[in-house]
All heavy atoms as atom14 arrays in JSON, in Angstrom:
{
  "sequence": "IEAVGSGYEGVGSRPEYNGEKSPINMLTT",
  "atom14_mask": [
    [1, 1, 1, 1, 1, 1, 1, 1, 0, 0, 0, 0, 0, 0],
    [1, 1, 1, 1, 1, 1, 1, 1, 1, 0, 0, 0, 0, 0],
    [1, 1, 1, 1, 1, 0, 0, 0, 0, 0, 0, 0, 0, 0],
    [1, 1, 1, 1, 1, 1, 1, 0, 0, 0, 0, 0, 0, 0],
    [1, 1, 1, 1, 0, 0, 0, 0, 0, 0, 0, 0, 0, 0],
    [1, 1, 1, 1, 1, 1, 0, 0, 0, 0, 0, 0, 0, 0],
    [1, 1, 1, 1, 0, 0, 0, 0, 0, 0, 0, 0, 0, 0],
    [1, 1, 1, 1, 1, 1, 1, 1, 1, 1, 1, 1, 0, 0],
    [1, 1, 1, 1, 1, 1, 1, 1, 1, 0, 0, 0, 0, 0],
    [1, 1, 1, 1, 0, 0, 0, 0, 0, 0, 0, 0, 0, 0],
    [1, 1, 1, 1, 1, 1, 1, 0, 0, 0, 0, 0, 0, 0],
    [1, 1, 1, 1, 0, 0, 0, 0, 0, 0, 0, 0, 0, 0],
    [1, 1, 1, 1, 1, 1, 0, 0, 0, 0, 0, 0, 0, 0],
    [1, 1, 1, 1, 1, 1, 1, 1, 1, 1, 1, 0, 0, 0],
    [1, 1, 1, 1, 1, 1, 1, 0, 0, 0, 0, 0, 0, 0],
    [1, 1, 1, 1, 1, 1, 1, 1, 1, 0, 0, 0, 0, 0],
    [1, 1, 1, 1, 1, 1, 1, 1, 1, 1, 1, 1, 0, 0],
    [1, 1, 1, 1, 1, 1, 1, 1, 0, 0, 0, 0, 0, 0],
    [1, 1, 1, 1, 0, 0, 0, 0, 0, 0, 0, 0, 0, 0],
    [1, 1, 1, 1, 1, 1, 1, 1, 1, 0, 0, 0, 0, 0],
    [1, 1, 1, 1, 1, 1, 1, 1, 1, 0, 0, 0, 0, 0],
    [1, 1, 1, 1, 1, 1, 0, 0, 0, 0, 0, 0, 0, 0],
    [1, 1, 1, 1, 1, 1, 1, 0, 0, 0, 0, 0, 0, 0],
    [1, 1, 1, 1, 1, 1, 1, 1, 0, 0, 0, 0, 0, 0],
    [1, 1, 1, 1, 1, 1, 1, 1, 0, 0, 0, 0, 0, 0],
    [1, 1, 1, 1, 1, 1, 1, 1, 0, 0, 0, 0, 0, 0],
    [1, 1, 1, 1, 1, 1, 1, 1, 0, 0, 0, 0, 0, 0],
    [1, 1, 1, 1, 1, 1, 1, 0, 0, 0, 0, 0, 0, 0],
    [1, 1, 1, 1, 1, 1, 1, 0, 0, 0, 0, 0, 0, 0]
  ],
  "atom14_positions": [
    [[148.78, 33.48, 18.21], [148.75, 34.93, 17.93], [147.51, 35.56, 18.6], [147.12, 36.69, 18.22], [148.75, 35.2, 16.4], [147.82, 34.29, 15.62], [150.15, 35.05, 15.85], [146.4, 34.67, 15.6], [0.0, 0.0, 0.0], [0.0, 0.0, 0.0], [0.0, 0.0, 0.0], [0.0, 0.0, 0.0], [0.0, 0.0, 0.0], [0.0, 0.0, 0.0]],
    [[146.98, 34.91, 19.61], [145.82, 35.44, 20.32], [146.27, 36.49, 21.35], [147.04, 36.14, 22.28], [145.05, 34.31, 21.02], [143.8, 34.79, 21.76], [143.07, 33.65, 22.45], [143.42, 32.47, 22.16], [142.18, 33.92, 23.24], [0.0, 0.0, 0.0], [0.0, 0.0, 0.0], [0.0, 0.0, 0.0], [0.0, 0.0, 0.0], [0.0, 0.0, 0.0]],
    [[145.81, 37.7, 21.21], [146.14, 38.77, 22.14], [145.02, 38.85, 23.16], [144.09, 39.64, 23.02], [146.34, 40.08, 21.4], [0.0, 0.0, 0.0], [0.0, 0.0, 0.0], [0.0, 0.0, 0.0], [0.0, 0.0, 0.0], [0.0, 0.0, 0.0], [0.0, 0.0, 0.0], [0.0, 0.0, 0.0], [0.0, 0.0, 0.0], [0.0, 0.0, 0.0]],
    [[145.13, 38.04, 24.2], [144.01, 37.87, 25.18], [143.7, 39.21, 25.84], [144.56, 39.86, 26.42], [144.4, 36.81, 26.22], [143.27, 36.67, 27.26], [144.67, 35.46, 25.56], [0.0, 0.0, 0.0], [0.0, 0.0, 0.0], [0.0, 0.0, 0.0], [0.0, 0.0, 0.0], [0.0, 0.0, 0.0], [0.0, 0.0, 0.0], [0.0, 0.0, 0.0]],
    [[142.44, 39.6, 25.76], [141.94, 40.76, 26.44], [142.43, 42.11, 25.87], [142.27, 43.16, 26.48], [0.0, 0.0, 0.0], [0.0, 0.0, 0.0], [0.0, 0.0, 0.0], [0.0, 0.0, 0.0], [0.0, 0.0, 0.0], [0.0, 0.0, 0.0], [0.0, 0.0, 0.0], [0.0, 0.0, 0.0], [0.0, 0.0, 0.0], [0.0, 0.0, 0.0]],
    [[143.03, 42.05, 24.7], [143.57, 43.29, 24.11], [142.54, 44.25, 23.58], [142.73, 45.46, 23.51], [144.56, 42.92, 22.97], [143.83, 42.29, 21.91], [0.0, 0.0, 0.0], [0.0, 0.0, 0.0], [0.0, 0.0, 0.0], [0.0, 0.0, 0.0], [0.0, 0.0, 0.0], [0.0, 0.0, 0.0], [0.0, 0.0, 0.0], [0.0, 0.0, 0.0]],
    [[141.36, 43.7, 23.15], [140.37, 44.53, 22.56], [140.6, 44.85, 21.1], [139.81, 45.59, 20.49], [0.0, 0.0, 0.0], [0.0, 0.0, 0.0], [0.0, 0.0, 0.0], [0.0, 0.0, 0.0], [0.0, 0.0, 0.0], [0.0, 0.0, 0.0], [0.0, 0.0, 0.0], [0.0, 0.0, 0.0], [0.0, 0.0, 0.0], [0.0, 0.0, 0.0]],
    [[141.66, 44.26, 20.51], [141.9, 44.51, 19.1], [140.74, 43.95, 18.29], [140.14, 42.97, 18.62], [143.2, 43.85, 18.64], [144.46, 44.36, 19.28], [145.45, 43.49, 19.74], [144.64, 45.71, 19.46], [146.57, 43.96, 20.35], [145.8, 46.22, 20.08], [146.74, 45.32, 20.52], [147.88, 45.79, 21.11], [0.0, 0.0, 0.0], [0.0, 0.0, 0.0]],
    [[140.45, 44.62, 17.16], [139.36, 44.21, 16.31], [139.9, 43.96, 14.89], [140.94, 44.42, 14.51], [138.27, 45.32, 16.26], [137.63, 45.6, 17.6], [136.64, 46.73, 17.57], [136.51, 47.37, 16.5], [135.97, 46.98, 18.61], [0.0, 0.0, 0.0], [0.0, 0.0, 0.0], [0.0, 0.0, 0.0], [0.0, 0.0, 0.0], [0.0, 0.0, 0.0]],
    [[139.08, 43.25, 14.13], [139.43, 42.99, 12.74], [139.29, 44.25, 11.9], [138.42, 45.08, 12.17], [0.0, 0.0, 0.0], [0.0, 0.0, 0.0], [0.0, 0.0, 0.0], [0.0, 0.0, 0.0], [0.0, 0.0, 0.0], [0.0, 0.0, 0.0], [0.0, 0.0, 0.0], [0.0, 0.0, 0.0], [0.0, 0.0, 0.0], [0.0, 0.0, 0.0]],
    [[140.14, 44.38, 10.93], [140.11, 45.53, 10.01], [139.93, 44.97, 8.58], [140.73, 44.18, 8.11], [141.42, 46.35, 10.09], [141.37, 47.49, 9.04], [141.61, 46.91, 11.48], [0.0, 0.0, 0.0], [0.0, 0.0, 0.0], [0.0, 0.0, 0.0], [0.0, 0.0, 0.0], [0.0, 0.0, 0.0], [0.0, 0.0, 0.0], [0.0, 0.0, 0.0]],
    [[138.83, 45.37, 7.95], [138.5, 44.86, 6.6], [137.75, 43.53, 6.69], [137.53, 42.93, 5.63], [0.0, 0.0, 0.0], [0.0, 0.0, 0.0], [0.0, 0.0, 0.0], [0.0, 0.0, 0.0], [0.0, 0.0, 0.0], [0.0, 0.0, 0.0], [0.0, 0.0, 0.0], [0.0, 0.0, 0.0], [0.0, 0.0, 0.0], [0.0, 0.0, 0.0]],
    [[137.4, 43.08, 7.89], [136.79, 41.77, 8.09], [135.28, 41.93, 8.32], [134.73, 43.02, 8.41], [137.43, 41.09, 9.29], [137.18, 41.84, 10.48], [0.0, 0.0, 0.0], [0.0, 0.0, 0.0], [0.0, 0.0, 0.0], [0.0, 0.0, 0.0], [0.0, 0.0, 0.0], [0.0, 0.0, 0.0], [0.0, 0.0, 0.0], [0.0, 0.0, 0.0]],
    [[134.64, 40.78, 8.53], [133.24, 40.77, 8.96], [133.14, 41.37, 10.37], [134.08, 41.28, 11.16], [132.71, 39.33, 9.04], [132.67, 38.57, 7.72], [132.49, 37.09, 8.0], [133.65, 36.56, 8.7], [133.58, 35.58, 9.6], [132.43, 35.02, 9.9], [134.68, 35.14, 10.21], [0.0, 0.0, 0.0], [0.0, 0.0, 0.0], [0.0, 0.0, 0.0]],
    [[132.03, 41.98, 10.73], [131.89, 42.62, 12.06], [132.1, 41.59, 13.2], [132.62, 41.94, 14.25], [130.45, 43.15, 12.03], [130.14, 43.33, 10.61], [130.84, 42.24, 9.88], [0.0, 0.0, 0.0], [0.0, 0.0, 0.0], [0.0, 0.0, 0.0], [0.0, 0.0, 0.0], [0.0, 0.0, 0.0], [0.0, 0.0, 0.0], [0.0, 0.0, 0.0]],
    [[131.68, 40.32, 12.99], [131.79, 39.33, 14.07], [133.14, 38.67, 14.15], [133.39, 37.83, 15.03], [130.72, 38.25, 13.87], [130.85, 37.43, 12.6], [130.11, 38.02, 11.4], [129.88, 39.26, 11.39], [129.73, 37.27, 10.49], [0.0, 0.0, 0.0], [0.0, 0.0, 0.0], [0.0, 0.0, 0.0], [0.0, 0.0, 0.0], [0.0, 0.0, 0.0]],
    [[134.05, 39.08, 13.31], [135.38, 38.48, 13.32], [136.14, 38.81, 14.59], [136.12, 39.97, 15.03], [136.19, 39.0, 12.09], [137.59, 38.45, 11.99], [137.84, 37.18, 11.46], [138.67, 39.21, 12.42], [139.13, 36.68, 11.38], [139.97, 38.73, 12.3], [140.2, 37.47, 11.78], [141.48, 36.98, 11.68], [0.0, 0.0, 0.0], [0.0, 0.0, 0.0]],
    [[136.79, 37.83, 15.19], [137.6, 38.06, 16.39], [138.94, 38.59, 16.0], [139.82, 37.83, 15.55], [137.72, 36.75, 17.19], [138.57, 36.93, 18.45], [138.96, 38.05, 18.81], [138.81, 35.84, 19.15], [0.0, 0.0, 0.0], [0.0, 0.0, 0.0], [0.0, 0.0, 0.0], [0.0, 0.0, 0.0], [0.0, 0.0, 0.0], [0.0, 0.0, 0.0]],
    [[139.17, 39.84, 16.21], [140.38, 40.51, 15.74], [141.48, 40.6, 16.81], [142.45, 41.34, 16.63], [0.0, 0.0, 0.0], [0.0, 0.0, 0.0], [0.0, 0.0, 0.0], [0.0, 0.0, 0.0], [0.0, 0.0, 0.0], [0.0, 0.0, 0.0], [0.0, 0.0, 0.0], [0.0, 0.0, 0.0], [0.0, 0.0, 0.0], [0.0, 0.0, 0.0]],
    [[141.32, 39.89, 17.93], [142.34, 39.96, 19.0], [143.56, 39.15, 18.57], [143.86, 38.11, 19.1], [141.77, 39.47, 20.33], [140.8, 40.46, 20.97], [140.57, 40.12, 22.43], [140.52, 38.93, 22.78], [140.39, 41.07, 23.21], [0.0, 0.0, 0.0], [0.0, 0.0, 0.0], [0.0, 0.0, 0.0], [0.0, 0.0, 0.0], [0.0, 0.0, 0.0]],
    [[144.29, 39.68, 17.59], [145.43, 38.99, 17.04], [146.62, 39.94, 16.93], [146.47, 41.07, 16.46], [145.1, 38.46, 15.63], [143.91, 37.45, 15.63], [143.57, 36.99, 14.22], [142.27, 36.2, 14.2], [142.3, 34.98, 14.98], [0.0, 0.0, 0.0], [0.0, 0.0, 0.0], [0.0, 0.0, 0.0], [0.0, 0.0, 0.0], [0.0, 0.0, 0.0]],
    [[147.78, 39.48, 17.39], [149.0, 40.26, 17.33], [150.18, 39.33, 17.6], [149.98, 38.17, 18.0], [148.98, 41.4, 18.33], [149.37, 40.94, 19.62], [0.0, 0.0, 0.0], [0.0, 0.0, 0.0], [0.0, 0.0, 0.0], [0.0, 0.0, 0.0], [0.0, 0.0, 0.0], [0.0, 0.0, 0.0], [0.0, 0.0, 0.0], [0.0, 0.0, 0.0]],
    [[151.42, 39.84, 17.49], [152.57, 39.01, 17.82], [152.99, 39.09, 19.26], [154.09, 38.71, 19.63], [153.67, 39.62, 16.91], [153.29, 41.07, 16.84], [151.8, 41.1, 16.83], [0.0, 0.0, 0.0], [0.0, 0.0, 0.0], [0.0, 0.0, 0.0], [0.0, 0.0, 0.0], [0.0, 0.0, 0.0], [0.0, 0.0, 0.0], [0.0, 0.0, 0.0]],
    [[152.11, 39.56, 20.15], [152.5, 39.87, 21.51], [153.01, 38.66, 22.3], [153.82, 38.78, 23.23], [151.26, 40.5, 22.27], [151.69, 41.12, 23.6], [150.19, 39.46, 22.48], [152.63, 42.29, 23.47], [0.0, 0.0, 0.0], [0.0, 0.0, 0.0], [0.0, 0.0, 0.0], [0.0, 0.0, 0.0], [0.0, 0.0, 0.0], [0.0, 0.0, 0.0]],
    [[152.6, 37.44, 21.95], [153.06, 36.26, 22.67], [154.5, 35.88, 22.34], [155.12, 35.05, 23.03], [152.15, 35.07, 22.37], [150.73, 35.29, 22.9], [150.54, 35.82, 23.97], [149.75, 34.93, 22.09], [0.0, 0.0, 0.0], [0.0, 0.0, 0.0], [0.0, 0.0, 0.0], [0.0, 0.0, 0.0], [0.0, 0.0, 0.0], [0.0, 0.0, 0.0]],
    [[155.04, 36.44, 21.25], [156.42, 36.2, 20.9], [157.32, 37.14, 21.73], [157.18, 38.38, 21.62], [156.66, 36.43, 19.39], [158.05, 36.15, 18.91], [158.17, 36.0, 17.11], [157.54, 37.61, 16.54], [0.0, 0.0, 0.0], [0.0, 0.0, 0.0], [0.0, 0.0, 0.0], [0.0, 0.0, 0.0], [0.0, 0.0, 0.0], [0.0, 0.0, 0.0]],
    [[158.18, 36.59, 22.56], [158.85, 37.37, 23.59], [160.1, 38.08, 23.11], [160.68, 38.89, 23.83], [159.24, 36.45, 24.75], [158.05, 35.7, 25.39], [158.53, 34.75, 26.48], [157.06, 36.69, 25.99], [0.0, 0.0, 0.0], [0.0, 0.0, 0.0], [0.0, 0.0, 0.0], [0.0, 0.0, 0.0], [0.0, 0.0, 0.0], [0.0, 0.0, 0.0]],
    [[160.58, 37.78, 21.9], [161.82, 38.35, 21.39], [161.58, 39.21, 20.18], [160.5, 39.18, 19.58], [162.81, 37.21, 21.03], [162.2, 36.41, 19.99], [163.12, 36.32, 22.22], [0.0, 0.0, 0.0], [0.0, 0.0, 0.0], [0.0, 0.0, 0.0], [0.0, 0.0, 0.0], [0.0, 0.0, 0.0], [0.0, 0.0, 0.0], [0.0, 0.0, 0.0]],
    [[162.58, 39.93, 19.79], [162.52, 40.7, 18.54], [162.83, 39.81, 17.36], [163.29, 38.67, 17.48], [163.5, 41.89, 18.56], [164.86, 41.36, 18.62], [163.26, 42.83, 19.7], [0.0, 0.0, 0.0], [0.0, 0.0, 0.0], [0.0, 0.0, 0.0], [0.0, 0.0, 0.0], [0.0, 0.0, 0.0], [0.0, 0.0, 0.0], [0.0, 0.0, 0.0]]
  ]
}
């Protein structure tokens, strides 16, 4: 679930949390 280079940030998390997370690597609906 790593969204490489997306710039997404954590919401509700610690400031240092790596929030580059999304379903973008899943190619289908």
